[in-house]
N, C-alpha and C. Protein backbone atom coordinates (compact mmCIF):
# COMPACT_ATOMS: atom_id res chain seq x y z
N MET A 1 103.92 164.68 155.47
CA MET A 1 103.01 163.80 156.20
C MET A 1 102.53 164.52 157.46
N THR A 2 101.23 164.61 157.63
CA THR A 2 100.64 165.33 158.75
C THR A 2 100.67 164.48 160.01
N PRO A 3 100.48 165.11 161.18
CA PRO A 3 100.39 164.32 162.41
C PRO A 3 99.30 163.25 162.34
N GLN A 4 98.19 163.58 161.70
CA GLN A 4 97.11 162.60 161.59
C GLN A 4 97.52 161.41 160.72
N GLU A 5 98.27 161.69 159.66
CA GLU A 5 98.74 160.59 158.80
C GLU A 5 99.78 159.74 159.54
N LEU A 6 100.65 160.39 160.30
CA LEU A 6 101.60 159.63 161.12
C LEU A 6 100.86 158.75 162.12
N ALA A 7 99.82 159.30 162.73
CA ALA A 7 99.05 158.54 163.71
C ALA A 7 98.37 157.33 163.08
N ALA A 8 97.81 157.52 161.90
CA ALA A 8 97.15 156.41 161.21
C ALA A 8 98.15 155.31 160.85
N ALA A 9 99.33 155.71 160.37
CA ALA A 9 100.36 154.73 160.03
C ALA A 9 100.84 154.00 161.28
N ALA A 10 100.98 154.72 162.38
CA ALA A 10 101.41 154.09 163.63
C ALA A 10 100.37 153.09 164.12
N ARG A 11 99.10 153.45 164.01
CA ARG A 11 98.03 152.56 164.48
C ARG A 11 98.05 151.23 163.73
N THR A 12 98.18 151.28 162.42
CA THR A 12 98.17 150.03 161.65
C THR A 12 99.46 149.24 161.86
N ALA A 13 100.58 149.94 162.05
CA ALA A 13 101.85 149.24 162.30
C ALA A 13 101.81 148.50 163.63
N VAL A 14 101.28 149.14 164.66
CA VAL A 14 101.17 148.49 165.96
C VAL A 14 100.20 147.32 165.89
N ALA A 15 99.11 147.49 165.17
CA ALA A 15 98.16 146.39 164.99
C ALA A 15 98.81 145.20 164.30
N ALA A 16 99.80 145.47 163.44
CA ALA A 16 100.51 144.40 162.73
C ALA A 16 101.62 143.78 163.58
N GLY A 17 101.92 144.39 164.73
CA GLY A 17 102.91 143.79 165.62
C GLY A 17 104.06 144.67 166.04
N ALA A 18 104.12 145.92 165.56
CA ALA A 18 105.21 146.81 165.98
C ALA A 18 105.10 147.11 167.47
N ARG A 19 106.24 147.16 168.13
CA ARG A 19 106.27 147.44 169.57
C ARG A 19 106.86 148.81 169.90
N ASP A 20 107.35 149.49 168.91
CA ASP A 20 107.99 150.79 169.11
C ASP A 20 107.86 151.55 167.79
N ILE A 21 107.73 152.87 167.89
CA ILE A 21 107.53 153.70 166.70
C ILE A 21 108.67 154.70 166.58
N HIS A 22 109.22 154.81 165.37
CA HIS A 22 110.25 155.81 165.05
C HIS A 22 109.66 156.79 164.06
N LEU A 23 109.66 158.09 164.43
CA LEU A 23 109.01 159.12 163.63
C LEU A 23 109.99 160.12 163.03
N HIS A 24 109.60 160.71 161.90
CA HIS A 24 110.26 161.88 161.35
C HIS A 24 109.19 162.97 161.23
N PRO A 25 109.01 163.80 162.26
CA PRO A 25 108.04 164.90 162.13
C PRO A 25 108.37 165.78 160.93
N LYS A 26 107.34 166.21 160.22
CA LYS A 26 107.52 166.97 158.98
C LYS A 26 106.93 168.37 159.08
N ASN A 27 107.60 169.32 158.43
CA ASN A 27 107.04 170.66 158.33
C ASN A 27 106.06 170.71 157.15
N PRO A 28 105.37 171.83 156.92
CA PRO A 28 104.39 171.89 155.82
C PRO A 28 104.97 171.61 154.44
N ASP A 29 106.28 171.76 154.28
CA ASP A 29 106.92 171.46 153.00
C ASP A 29 107.34 170.00 152.88
N GLY A 30 107.01 169.19 153.89
CA GLY A 30 107.36 167.78 153.86
C GLY A 30 108.78 167.47 154.27
N GLU A 31 109.46 168.44 154.89
CA GLU A 31 110.85 168.25 155.31
C GLU A 31 110.91 167.86 156.78
N ASP A 32 111.86 166.98 157.12
CA ASP A 32 112.05 166.60 158.51
C ASP A 32 112.42 167.83 159.34
N THR A 33 111.89 167.90 160.55
CA THR A 33 112.15 169.07 161.39
C THR A 33 112.16 168.68 162.86
N LEU A 34 112.91 169.44 163.65
CA LEU A 34 112.92 169.31 165.10
C LEU A 34 112.18 170.47 165.77
N ASP A 35 111.48 171.25 164.99
CA ASP A 35 110.71 172.38 165.51
C ASP A 35 109.82 171.92 166.66
N PRO A 36 109.89 172.57 167.82
CA PRO A 36 109.15 172.08 168.99
C PRO A 36 107.65 171.91 168.77
N ALA A 37 107.01 172.84 168.09
CA ALA A 37 105.57 172.72 167.88
C ALA A 37 105.23 171.55 166.97
N THR A 38 106.05 171.34 165.95
CA THR A 38 105.81 170.24 165.02
C THR A 38 106.05 168.90 165.70
N VAL A 39 107.11 168.80 166.47
CA VAL A 39 107.39 167.57 167.22
C VAL A 39 106.26 167.28 168.20
N ALA A 40 105.79 168.30 168.89
CA ALA A 40 104.71 168.11 169.85
C ALA A 40 103.44 167.61 169.18
N ALA A 41 103.10 168.18 168.04
CA ALA A 41 101.89 167.76 167.33
C ALA A 41 101.98 166.31 166.87
N ALA A 42 103.15 165.94 166.34
CA ALA A 42 103.33 164.57 165.86
C ALA A 42 103.26 163.58 167.02
N LEU A 43 103.97 163.86 168.10
CA LEU A 43 103.99 162.94 169.24
C LEU A 43 102.61 162.82 169.87
N THR A 44 101.92 163.92 170.02
CA THR A 44 100.60 163.88 170.64
C THR A 44 99.62 163.05 169.81
N ALA A 45 99.64 163.25 168.50
CA ALA A 45 98.73 162.50 167.63
C ALA A 45 99.03 161.01 167.67
N VAL A 46 100.31 160.66 167.60
CA VAL A 46 100.68 159.24 167.58
C VAL A 46 100.39 158.58 168.92
N ARG A 47 100.68 159.25 170.00
CA ARG A 47 100.41 158.65 171.32
C ARG A 47 98.92 158.47 171.56
N THR A 48 98.13 159.36 171.02
CA THR A 48 96.68 159.18 171.12
C THR A 48 96.23 157.96 170.34
N ALA A 49 96.87 157.72 169.21
CA ALA A 49 96.50 156.58 168.35
C ALA A 49 96.98 155.25 168.91
N VAL A 50 98.17 155.26 169.56
CA VAL A 50 98.75 154.00 170.06
C VAL A 50 99.21 154.19 171.50
N PRO A 51 98.28 154.39 172.42
CA PRO A 51 98.66 154.63 173.81
C PRO A 51 99.45 153.46 174.38
N GLY A 52 100.49 153.78 175.13
CA GLY A 52 101.32 152.74 175.73
C GLY A 52 102.48 152.29 174.87
N THR A 53 102.51 152.69 173.61
CA THR A 53 103.62 152.33 172.72
C THR A 53 104.70 153.41 172.81
N THR A 54 105.95 152.99 172.97
CA THR A 54 107.03 153.97 173.01
C THR A 54 107.23 154.59 171.63
N VAL A 55 107.55 155.89 171.64
CA VAL A 55 107.66 156.65 170.39
C VAL A 55 108.95 157.46 170.41
N GLY A 56 109.70 157.36 169.32
CA GLY A 56 110.95 158.11 169.19
C GLY A 56 110.97 158.94 167.92
N VAL A 57 111.92 159.87 167.87
CA VAL A 57 112.08 160.74 166.71
C VAL A 57 113.53 160.75 166.27
N THR A 58 113.74 161.23 165.06
CA THR A 58 115.10 161.43 164.56
C THR A 58 115.66 162.75 165.07
N THR A 59 116.99 162.84 165.15
CA THR A 59 117.65 164.14 165.33
C THR A 59 118.71 164.32 164.25
N GLY A 60 118.50 163.70 163.10
CA GLY A 60 119.48 163.74 162.02
C GLY A 60 119.91 165.15 161.66
N ALA A 61 121.18 165.30 161.29
CA ALA A 61 121.74 166.62 161.00
C ALA A 61 121.03 167.31 159.84
N TRP A 62 120.38 166.55 158.97
CA TRP A 62 119.67 167.17 157.84
C TRP A 62 118.48 168.01 158.33
N THR A 63 117.99 167.75 159.55
CA THR A 63 116.87 168.54 160.06
C THR A 63 117.30 169.96 160.39
N THR A 64 118.46 170.08 161.02
CA THR A 64 119.04 171.37 161.40
C THR A 64 120.56 171.20 161.37
N PRO A 65 121.22 171.65 160.33
CA PRO A 65 122.65 171.33 160.16
C PRO A 65 123.55 171.81 161.30
N ASP A 66 123.25 172.95 161.91
CA ASP A 66 124.11 173.46 162.97
C ASP A 66 123.88 172.69 164.27
N PRO A 67 124.90 172.03 164.83
CA PRO A 67 124.70 171.21 166.02
C PRO A 67 124.19 171.99 167.23
N GLU A 68 124.67 173.21 167.42
CA GLU A 68 124.21 174.01 168.56
C GLU A 68 122.73 174.33 168.43
N ALA A 69 122.31 174.66 167.22
CA ALA A 69 120.89 174.94 167.00
C ALA A 69 120.04 173.69 167.19
N ARG A 70 120.59 172.55 166.76
CA ARG A 70 119.87 171.28 166.92
C ARG A 70 119.69 170.97 168.40
N ALA A 71 120.74 171.12 169.19
CA ALA A 71 120.64 170.88 170.62
C ALA A 71 119.68 171.86 171.28
N ALA A 72 119.68 173.10 170.81
CA ALA A 72 118.76 174.10 171.36
C ALA A 72 117.31 173.72 171.08
N GLN A 73 117.04 173.17 169.90
CA GLN A 73 115.68 172.72 169.60
C GLN A 73 115.26 171.61 170.55
N VAL A 74 116.16 170.67 170.80
CA VAL A 74 115.86 169.59 171.74
C VAL A 74 115.52 170.17 173.12
N ARG A 75 116.30 171.14 173.55
CA ARG A 75 116.06 171.74 174.87
C ARG A 75 114.75 172.52 174.92
N ALA A 76 114.24 172.90 173.76
CA ALA A 76 113.00 173.68 173.70
C ALA A 76 111.75 172.81 173.53
N TRP A 77 111.92 171.50 173.35
CA TRP A 77 110.75 170.64 173.18
C TRP A 77 109.83 170.73 174.39
N ALA A 78 108.55 170.96 174.15
CA ALA A 78 107.56 170.97 175.22
C ALA A 78 106.98 169.59 175.45
N VAL A 79 106.88 168.80 174.40
CA VAL A 79 106.43 167.41 174.48
C VAL A 79 107.63 166.54 174.12
N LEU A 80 107.98 165.62 175.01
CA LEU A 80 109.20 164.83 174.83
C LEU A 80 108.90 163.45 174.26
N PRO A 81 109.71 162.99 173.32
CA PRO A 81 109.61 161.59 172.88
C PRO A 81 110.17 160.67 173.96
N ASP A 82 109.87 159.40 173.84
CA ASP A 82 110.48 158.42 174.75
C ASP A 82 111.96 158.26 174.46
N HIS A 83 112.31 158.38 173.20
CA HIS A 83 113.72 158.25 172.80
C HIS A 83 113.93 159.00 171.50
N ALA A 84 115.19 159.22 171.17
CA ALA A 84 115.54 159.90 169.92
C ALA A 84 116.85 159.32 169.40
N SER A 85 116.95 159.20 168.09
CA SER A 85 118.17 158.66 167.49
C SER A 85 119.17 159.78 167.25
N VAL A 86 120.43 159.48 167.53
CA VAL A 86 121.53 160.42 167.30
C VAL A 86 122.57 159.71 166.44
N ASN A 87 122.85 160.24 165.27
CA ASN A 87 123.80 159.62 164.35
C ASN A 87 125.22 160.04 164.71
N TRP A 88 126.03 159.05 165.09
CA TRP A 88 127.32 159.36 165.69
C TRP A 88 128.40 159.74 164.68
N HIS A 89 128.12 159.60 163.39
CA HIS A 89 129.09 160.09 162.40
C HIS A 89 128.89 161.57 162.11
N GLU A 90 127.81 162.15 162.63
CA GLU A 90 127.51 163.55 162.36
C GLU A 90 128.21 164.46 163.36
N ASP A 91 128.61 165.63 162.90
CA ASP A 91 129.22 166.62 163.79
C ASP A 91 128.21 167.02 164.87
N GLY A 92 128.70 167.16 166.09
CA GLY A 92 127.84 167.60 167.18
C GLY A 92 126.99 166.53 167.80
N ALA A 93 127.26 165.25 167.50
CA ALA A 93 126.43 164.17 168.03
C ALA A 93 126.42 164.19 169.56
N ALA A 94 127.58 164.34 170.17
CA ALA A 94 127.65 164.32 171.63
C ALA A 94 126.87 165.49 172.23
N GLU A 95 126.93 166.64 171.59
CA GLU A 95 126.22 167.81 172.09
C GLU A 95 124.70 167.58 172.07
N VAL A 96 124.22 167.00 170.98
CA VAL A 96 122.79 166.69 170.89
C VAL A 96 122.42 165.62 171.91
N ALA A 97 123.28 164.62 172.07
CA ALA A 97 123.01 163.55 173.02
C ALA A 97 122.94 164.08 174.45
N ILE A 98 123.83 164.98 174.81
CA ILE A 98 123.79 165.56 176.15
C ILE A 98 122.49 166.33 176.38
N ALA A 99 122.04 167.05 175.35
CA ALA A 99 120.77 167.76 175.47
C ALA A 99 119.63 166.78 175.73
N LEU A 100 119.65 165.64 175.05
CA LEU A 100 118.62 164.62 175.27
C LEU A 100 118.70 164.05 176.67
N LEU A 101 119.91 163.74 177.13
CA LEU A 101 120.08 163.21 178.49
C LEU A 101 119.56 164.21 179.51
N ASP A 102 119.86 165.48 179.30
CA ASP A 102 119.42 166.51 180.24
C ASP A 102 117.90 166.61 180.30
N ARG A 103 117.23 166.26 179.20
CA ARG A 103 115.76 166.29 179.16
C ARG A 103 115.14 164.98 179.59
N GLY A 104 115.96 163.95 179.84
CA GLY A 104 115.43 162.66 180.24
C GLY A 104 114.92 161.82 179.08
N VAL A 105 115.40 162.11 177.88
CA VAL A 105 114.99 161.37 176.68
C VAL A 105 116.00 160.27 176.40
N GLY A 106 115.53 159.06 176.17
CA GLY A 106 116.42 157.95 175.85
C GLY A 106 117.13 158.18 174.52
N ILE A 107 118.36 157.70 174.44
CA ILE A 107 119.16 157.89 173.23
C ILE A 107 119.32 156.57 172.49
N GLU A 108 119.02 156.60 171.20
CA GLU A 108 119.39 155.52 170.29
C GLU A 108 120.64 156.00 169.55
N ALA A 109 121.77 155.37 169.84
CA ALA A 109 123.03 155.79 169.23
C ALA A 109 123.15 155.15 167.85
N GLY A 110 123.01 155.97 166.81
CA GLY A 110 123.08 155.47 165.44
C GLY A 110 124.52 155.31 164.98
N ILE A 111 124.91 154.06 164.74
CA ILE A 111 126.28 153.75 164.34
C ILE A 111 126.25 153.22 162.91
N TYR A 112 126.62 154.07 161.96
CA TYR A 112 126.62 153.68 160.55
C TYR A 112 127.89 152.91 160.23
N SER A 113 127.72 151.78 159.55
CA SER A 113 128.89 151.04 159.08
C SER A 113 129.65 151.88 158.05
N GLY A 114 130.95 151.65 157.96
CA GLY A 114 131.74 152.38 156.99
C GLY A 114 132.05 153.81 157.37
N THR A 115 131.80 154.19 158.62
CA THR A 115 132.09 155.53 159.13
C THR A 115 132.86 155.41 160.44
N PRO A 116 133.40 156.52 160.95
CA PRO A 116 134.08 156.47 162.26
C PRO A 116 133.12 156.46 163.44
N ALA A 117 131.84 156.25 163.20
CA ALA A 117 130.83 156.41 164.24
C ALA A 117 131.07 155.52 165.45
N ALA A 118 131.42 154.26 165.23
CA ALA A 118 131.58 153.33 166.35
C ALA A 118 132.65 153.82 167.31
N ARG A 119 133.81 154.19 166.78
CA ARG A 119 134.89 154.65 167.65
C ARG A 119 134.52 155.95 168.35
N ARG A 120 133.88 156.88 167.64
CA ARG A 120 133.47 158.14 168.27
C ARG A 120 132.51 157.87 169.42
N PHE A 121 131.55 156.99 169.18
CA PHE A 121 130.58 156.69 170.22
C PHE A 121 131.24 156.00 171.41
N LEU A 122 132.04 154.99 171.16
CA LEU A 122 132.65 154.24 172.25
C LEU A 122 133.63 155.08 173.05
N ASP A 123 134.19 156.11 172.43
CA ASP A 123 135.10 157.02 173.14
C ASP A 123 134.36 158.07 173.97
N TRP A 124 133.05 158.19 173.76
CA TRP A 124 132.25 159.17 174.49
C TRP A 124 132.08 158.71 175.94
N SER A 125 132.32 159.59 176.87
CA SER A 125 132.31 159.21 178.29
C SER A 125 130.93 158.79 178.79
N GLU A 126 129.87 159.18 178.10
CA GLU A 126 128.51 158.85 178.54
C GLU A 126 127.89 157.73 177.71
N SER A 127 128.69 157.00 176.97
CA SER A 127 128.14 155.97 176.07
C SER A 127 127.35 154.90 176.82
N HIS A 128 127.66 154.70 178.08
CA HIS A 128 126.95 153.68 178.86
C HIS A 128 125.53 154.09 179.21
N ARG A 129 125.16 155.33 178.94
CA ARG A 129 123.85 155.83 179.34
C ARG A 129 122.80 155.76 178.24
N VAL A 130 123.15 155.21 177.08
CA VAL A 130 122.18 155.19 175.98
C VAL A 130 121.16 154.08 176.18
N LEU A 131 120.01 154.26 175.56
CA LEU A 131 118.95 153.26 175.62
C LEU A 131 119.32 152.03 174.82
N ARG A 132 119.84 152.24 173.62
CA ARG A 132 120.30 151.15 172.77
C ARG A 132 121.20 151.70 171.69
N VAL A 133 121.88 150.78 171.03
CA VAL A 133 122.78 151.12 169.93
C VAL A 133 122.14 150.62 168.64
N LEU A 134 122.03 151.50 167.66
CA LEU A 134 121.51 151.13 166.34
C LEU A 134 122.68 150.79 165.43
N ALA A 135 122.84 149.52 165.11
CA ALA A 135 123.86 149.10 164.15
C ALA A 135 123.25 149.23 162.77
N GLU A 136 123.59 150.30 162.07
CA GLU A 136 122.94 150.66 160.81
C GLU A 136 123.89 150.38 159.65
N ILE A 137 123.53 149.38 158.86
CA ILE A 137 124.42 148.91 157.80
C ILE A 137 124.10 149.68 156.52
N THR A 138 125.10 150.41 156.03
CA THR A 138 124.90 151.25 154.85
C THR A 138 125.10 150.51 153.54
N ASP A 139 125.74 149.36 153.59
CA ASP A 139 125.95 148.54 152.40
C ASP A 139 124.61 147.93 151.99
N THR A 140 124.15 148.20 150.79
CA THR A 140 122.85 147.71 150.35
C THR A 140 122.94 146.45 149.48
N ASP A 141 124.14 145.94 149.28
CA ASP A 141 124.33 144.71 148.52
C ASP A 141 124.13 143.52 149.46
N PRO A 142 123.11 142.70 149.25
CA PRO A 142 122.86 141.59 150.17
C PRO A 142 124.06 140.65 150.32
N ARG A 143 124.90 140.57 149.30
CA ARG A 143 126.03 139.64 149.34
C ARG A 143 127.12 140.11 150.29
N THR A 144 127.23 141.39 150.51
CA THR A 144 128.31 141.92 151.35
C THR A 144 127.81 142.60 152.62
N ALA A 145 126.52 142.94 152.68
CA ALA A 145 125.99 143.64 153.84
C ALA A 145 126.06 142.79 155.10
N VAL A 146 125.82 141.49 154.96
CA VAL A 146 125.89 140.61 156.13
C VAL A 146 127.30 140.58 156.69
N HIS A 147 128.29 140.58 155.82
CA HIS A 147 129.69 140.63 156.27
C HIS A 147 129.97 141.95 156.98
N ALA A 148 129.46 143.05 156.43
CA ALA A 148 129.64 144.35 157.07
C ALA A 148 128.99 144.38 158.44
N ALA A 149 127.83 143.75 158.55
CA ALA A 149 127.14 143.69 159.84
C ALA A 149 127.95 142.90 160.86
N ALA A 150 128.50 141.78 160.43
CA ALA A 150 129.31 140.97 161.34
C ALA A 150 130.50 141.77 161.87
N GLY A 151 131.13 142.54 160.99
CA GLY A 151 132.27 143.35 161.40
C GLY A 151 131.88 144.42 162.40
N LEU A 152 130.75 145.09 162.15
CA LEU A 152 130.31 146.13 163.07
C LEU A 152 129.90 145.54 164.41
N LEU A 153 129.21 144.41 164.39
CA LEU A 153 128.82 143.77 165.65
C LEU A 153 130.04 143.33 166.44
N ASP A 154 131.06 142.84 165.75
CA ASP A 154 132.29 142.43 166.43
C ASP A 154 132.96 143.61 167.12
N GLU A 155 132.81 144.80 166.54
CA GLU A 155 133.39 145.99 167.14
C GLU A 155 132.57 146.48 168.32
N LEU A 156 131.25 146.38 168.22
CA LEU A 156 130.38 146.94 169.24
C LEU A 156 130.18 146.03 170.44
N ARG A 157 129.97 144.76 170.20
CA ARG A 157 129.55 143.86 171.27
C ARG A 157 130.51 143.80 172.46
N PRO A 158 131.82 143.71 172.24
CA PRO A 158 132.70 143.63 173.41
C PRO A 158 132.80 144.95 174.17
N ALA A 159 132.37 146.05 173.55
CA ALA A 159 132.64 147.38 174.10
C ALA A 159 131.42 148.07 174.70
N THR A 160 130.23 147.49 174.55
CA THR A 160 129.03 148.13 175.10
C THR A 160 128.13 147.08 175.72
N THR A 161 127.47 147.46 176.80
CA THR A 161 126.49 146.58 177.43
C THR A 161 125.07 146.97 177.03
N SER A 162 124.93 148.01 176.22
CA SER A 162 123.61 148.45 175.78
C SER A 162 123.04 147.48 174.75
N PRO A 163 121.72 147.31 174.71
CA PRO A 163 121.11 146.48 173.67
C PRO A 163 121.47 147.00 172.28
N ILE A 164 121.62 146.08 171.35
CA ILE A 164 121.95 146.44 169.97
C ILE A 164 120.76 146.12 169.07
N LEU A 165 120.39 147.08 168.26
CA LEU A 165 119.36 146.89 167.24
C LEU A 165 120.05 146.92 165.88
N LEU A 166 119.89 145.85 165.12
CA LEU A 166 120.53 145.72 163.81
C LEU A 166 119.50 145.91 162.71
N HIS A 167 119.84 146.74 161.72
CA HIS A 167 118.95 146.85 160.57
C HIS A 167 119.73 147.32 159.35
N GLY A 168 119.11 147.10 158.18
CA GLY A 168 119.71 147.51 156.92
C GLY A 168 118.70 148.27 156.09
N GLU A 169 119.05 148.44 154.82
CA GLU A 169 118.16 149.21 153.95
C GLU A 169 118.19 148.66 152.54
N ASP A 170 117.17 149.02 151.79
CA ASP A 170 117.04 148.63 150.39
C ASP A 170 117.18 147.11 150.24
N GLU A 171 117.98 146.64 149.31
CA GLU A 171 118.05 145.21 149.03
C GLU A 171 118.62 144.40 150.20
N ALA A 172 119.34 145.07 151.09
CA ALA A 172 119.93 144.35 152.23
C ALA A 172 119.02 144.33 153.45
N ALA A 173 117.88 145.00 153.40
CA ALA A 173 117.04 145.12 154.60
C ALA A 173 116.57 143.76 155.11
N TRP A 174 116.06 142.93 154.23
CA TRP A 174 115.52 141.64 154.68
C TRP A 174 116.61 140.66 155.08
N PRO A 175 117.71 140.53 154.34
CA PRO A 175 118.79 139.65 154.84
C PRO A 175 119.29 140.06 156.22
N LEU A 176 119.38 141.36 156.47
CA LEU A 176 119.88 141.80 157.78
C LEU A 176 118.83 141.62 158.86
N LEU A 177 117.56 141.73 158.51
CA LEU A 177 116.53 141.43 159.49
C LEU A 177 116.58 139.95 159.88
N ARG A 178 116.82 139.09 158.90
CA ARG A 178 116.96 137.67 159.22
C ARG A 178 118.18 137.42 160.10
N LEU A 179 119.27 138.14 159.83
CA LEU A 179 120.46 138.00 160.66
C LEU A 179 120.18 138.46 162.09
N ALA A 180 119.48 139.57 162.23
CA ALA A 180 119.12 140.05 163.57
C ALA A 180 118.27 139.03 164.30
N ALA A 181 117.31 138.45 163.60
CA ALA A 181 116.45 137.44 164.23
C ALA A 181 117.26 136.21 164.64
N ALA A 182 118.18 135.80 163.79
CA ALA A 182 119.01 134.62 164.10
C ALA A 182 119.87 134.85 165.33
N HIS A 183 120.29 136.10 165.55
CA HIS A 183 121.13 136.43 166.70
C HIS A 183 120.31 136.97 167.87
N ARG A 184 118.99 136.94 167.72
CA ARG A 184 118.08 137.45 168.74
C ARG A 184 118.39 138.89 169.13
N LEU A 185 118.69 139.68 168.13
CA LEU A 185 118.89 141.11 168.32
C LEU A 185 117.59 141.84 167.99
N ASP A 186 117.42 143.00 168.59
CA ASP A 186 116.32 143.87 168.18
C ASP A 186 116.53 144.26 166.72
N THR A 187 115.44 144.61 166.05
CA THR A 187 115.54 145.06 164.67
C THR A 187 114.40 146.02 164.38
N ARG A 188 114.41 146.61 163.21
CA ARG A 188 113.33 147.50 162.82
C ARG A 188 113.10 147.34 161.32
N ILE A 189 111.92 147.77 160.90
CA ILE A 189 111.59 147.76 159.48
C ILE A 189 110.58 148.87 159.23
N GLY A 190 110.63 149.46 158.06
CA GLY A 190 109.68 150.50 157.72
C GLY A 190 110.00 151.06 156.35
N LEU A 191 109.12 151.89 155.84
CA LEU A 191 109.31 152.46 154.51
C LEU A 191 110.52 153.37 154.43
N GLU A 192 111.02 153.83 155.58
CA GLU A 192 112.28 154.58 155.58
C GLU A 192 113.43 153.71 155.09
N ASP A 193 113.32 152.39 155.34
CA ASP A 193 114.41 151.47 155.05
C ASP A 193 114.23 150.69 153.75
N VAL A 194 113.02 150.28 153.47
CA VAL A 194 112.80 149.42 152.32
C VAL A 194 111.37 149.59 151.81
N LEU A 195 111.21 149.50 150.50
CA LEU A 195 109.90 149.72 149.88
C LEU A 195 109.25 148.43 149.39
N HIS A 196 109.96 147.31 149.55
CA HIS A 196 109.45 146.04 149.02
C HIS A 196 109.38 144.98 150.11
N LEU A 197 108.45 144.07 149.93
CA LEU A 197 108.32 142.91 150.81
C LEU A 197 109.38 141.88 150.45
N PRO A 198 109.57 140.87 151.29
CA PRO A 198 110.61 139.88 151.01
C PRO A 198 110.49 139.20 149.64
N ASP A 199 109.27 139.09 149.12
CA ASP A 199 109.10 138.45 147.81
C ASP A 199 109.29 139.42 146.65
N GLY A 200 109.63 140.67 146.95
CA GLY A 200 109.89 141.66 145.91
C GLY A 200 108.70 142.51 145.52
N THR A 201 107.52 142.19 146.02
CA THR A 201 106.36 143.01 145.69
C THR A 201 106.38 144.31 146.50
N PRO A 202 105.83 145.39 145.93
CA PRO A 202 105.84 146.67 146.66
C PRO A 202 105.04 146.59 147.96
N ALA A 203 105.56 147.24 148.98
CA ALA A 203 104.85 147.33 150.26
C ALA A 203 103.87 148.49 150.20
N GLY A 204 102.64 148.23 150.56
CA GLY A 204 101.64 149.30 150.52
C GLY A 204 101.72 150.24 151.70
N ALA A 205 102.28 149.75 152.82
CA ALA A 205 102.32 150.55 154.04
C ALA A 205 103.34 149.95 154.99
N ASN A 206 103.69 150.71 156.02
CA ASN A 206 104.58 150.19 157.05
C ASN A 206 104.03 148.91 157.66
N ALA A 207 102.72 148.85 157.82
CA ALA A 207 102.11 147.68 158.45
C ALA A 207 102.40 146.41 157.66
N ASP A 208 102.45 146.49 156.34
CA ASP A 208 102.76 145.32 155.53
C ASP A 208 104.18 144.82 155.82
N LEU A 209 105.10 145.75 155.98
CA LEU A 209 106.48 145.39 156.29
C LEU A 209 106.58 144.78 157.68
N VAL A 210 105.87 145.35 158.64
CA VAL A 210 105.90 144.83 160.00
C VAL A 210 105.35 143.41 160.04
N HIS A 211 104.25 143.19 159.33
CA HIS A 211 103.66 141.85 159.31
C HIS A 211 104.64 140.82 158.74
N ALA A 212 105.30 141.17 157.64
CA ALA A 212 106.28 140.26 157.04
C ALA A 212 107.46 140.04 157.98
N ALA A 213 107.90 141.09 158.65
CA ALA A 213 109.02 140.97 159.58
C ALA A 213 108.68 140.05 160.74
N ARG A 214 107.48 140.17 161.27
CA ARG A 214 107.09 139.32 162.39
C ARG A 214 107.06 137.85 161.99
N GLU A 215 106.64 137.57 160.78
CA GLU A 215 106.64 136.18 160.31
C GLU A 215 108.06 135.62 160.26
N ILE A 216 109.01 136.43 159.78
CA ILE A 216 110.41 136.00 159.71
C ILE A 216 110.97 135.79 161.11
N ILE A 217 110.69 136.71 162.01
CA ILE A 217 111.21 136.61 163.37
C ILE A 217 110.62 135.41 164.10
N GLN A 218 109.33 135.21 163.96
CA GLN A 218 108.70 134.07 164.61
C GLN A 218 109.24 132.75 164.08
N GLN A 219 109.48 132.68 162.77
CA GLN A 219 110.06 131.47 162.19
C GLN A 219 111.47 131.23 162.74
N ALA A 220 112.25 132.29 162.86
CA ALA A 220 113.61 132.15 163.40
C ALA A 220 113.57 131.65 164.83
N PHE A 221 112.64 132.14 165.62
CA PHE A 221 112.55 131.71 167.01
C PHE A 221 112.10 130.26 167.11
N ARG A 222 111.25 129.81 166.19
CA ARG A 222 110.82 128.41 166.21
C ARG A 222 111.98 127.47 165.89
N GLU A 223 112.96 127.98 165.16
CA GLU A 223 114.08 127.14 164.75
C GLU A 223 115.15 127.01 165.83
N PHE A 224 115.05 127.81 166.90
CA PHE A 224 116.03 127.70 167.99
C PHE A 224 115.78 126.43 168.79
């Protein structure tokens, strides 16, 4: 996906109600990358398309497996995102997070259910400095994912004062979005997480998912 395609997707998502954008800059082979030039091109294009909207990127280990190299790429960025996600079950998470803090980039601490991520993050001496915590539920079974979410939230809530964003994926994405809305937690939705609308029909674009999510959230707020 080119910077121009990312920008077009961001523009329609924001028009549908998105308030924040999460990006995966891609190299010419379509692979996620933290390459400074590629990150700069993606961020510049998206910010031009949606001025005033905060924009973040991934720092997932699949982009650059070696943690030291990943942190070095962050330190080499010429154009900085507003925030970046750091997956706390991955080796070198703290090293990458420190690089982000040193650059003044907000951290989204990715806490995957079913991993040691929560304890690793909460044991980190700088955990209080993150922008928010992403409670990421890996269980895709709608019948059990909500229970997994409750368990992870019970672990995180007493131990952090940072805002928590709850989301799921695949078949559990919409039930967990409803749970987030019911608890007035931040949430996210996009083709990275789910390819279908709540009624099971395929989503044509991120904007379709955002529109459906806003309807669910607004309905939940009306019921309070």
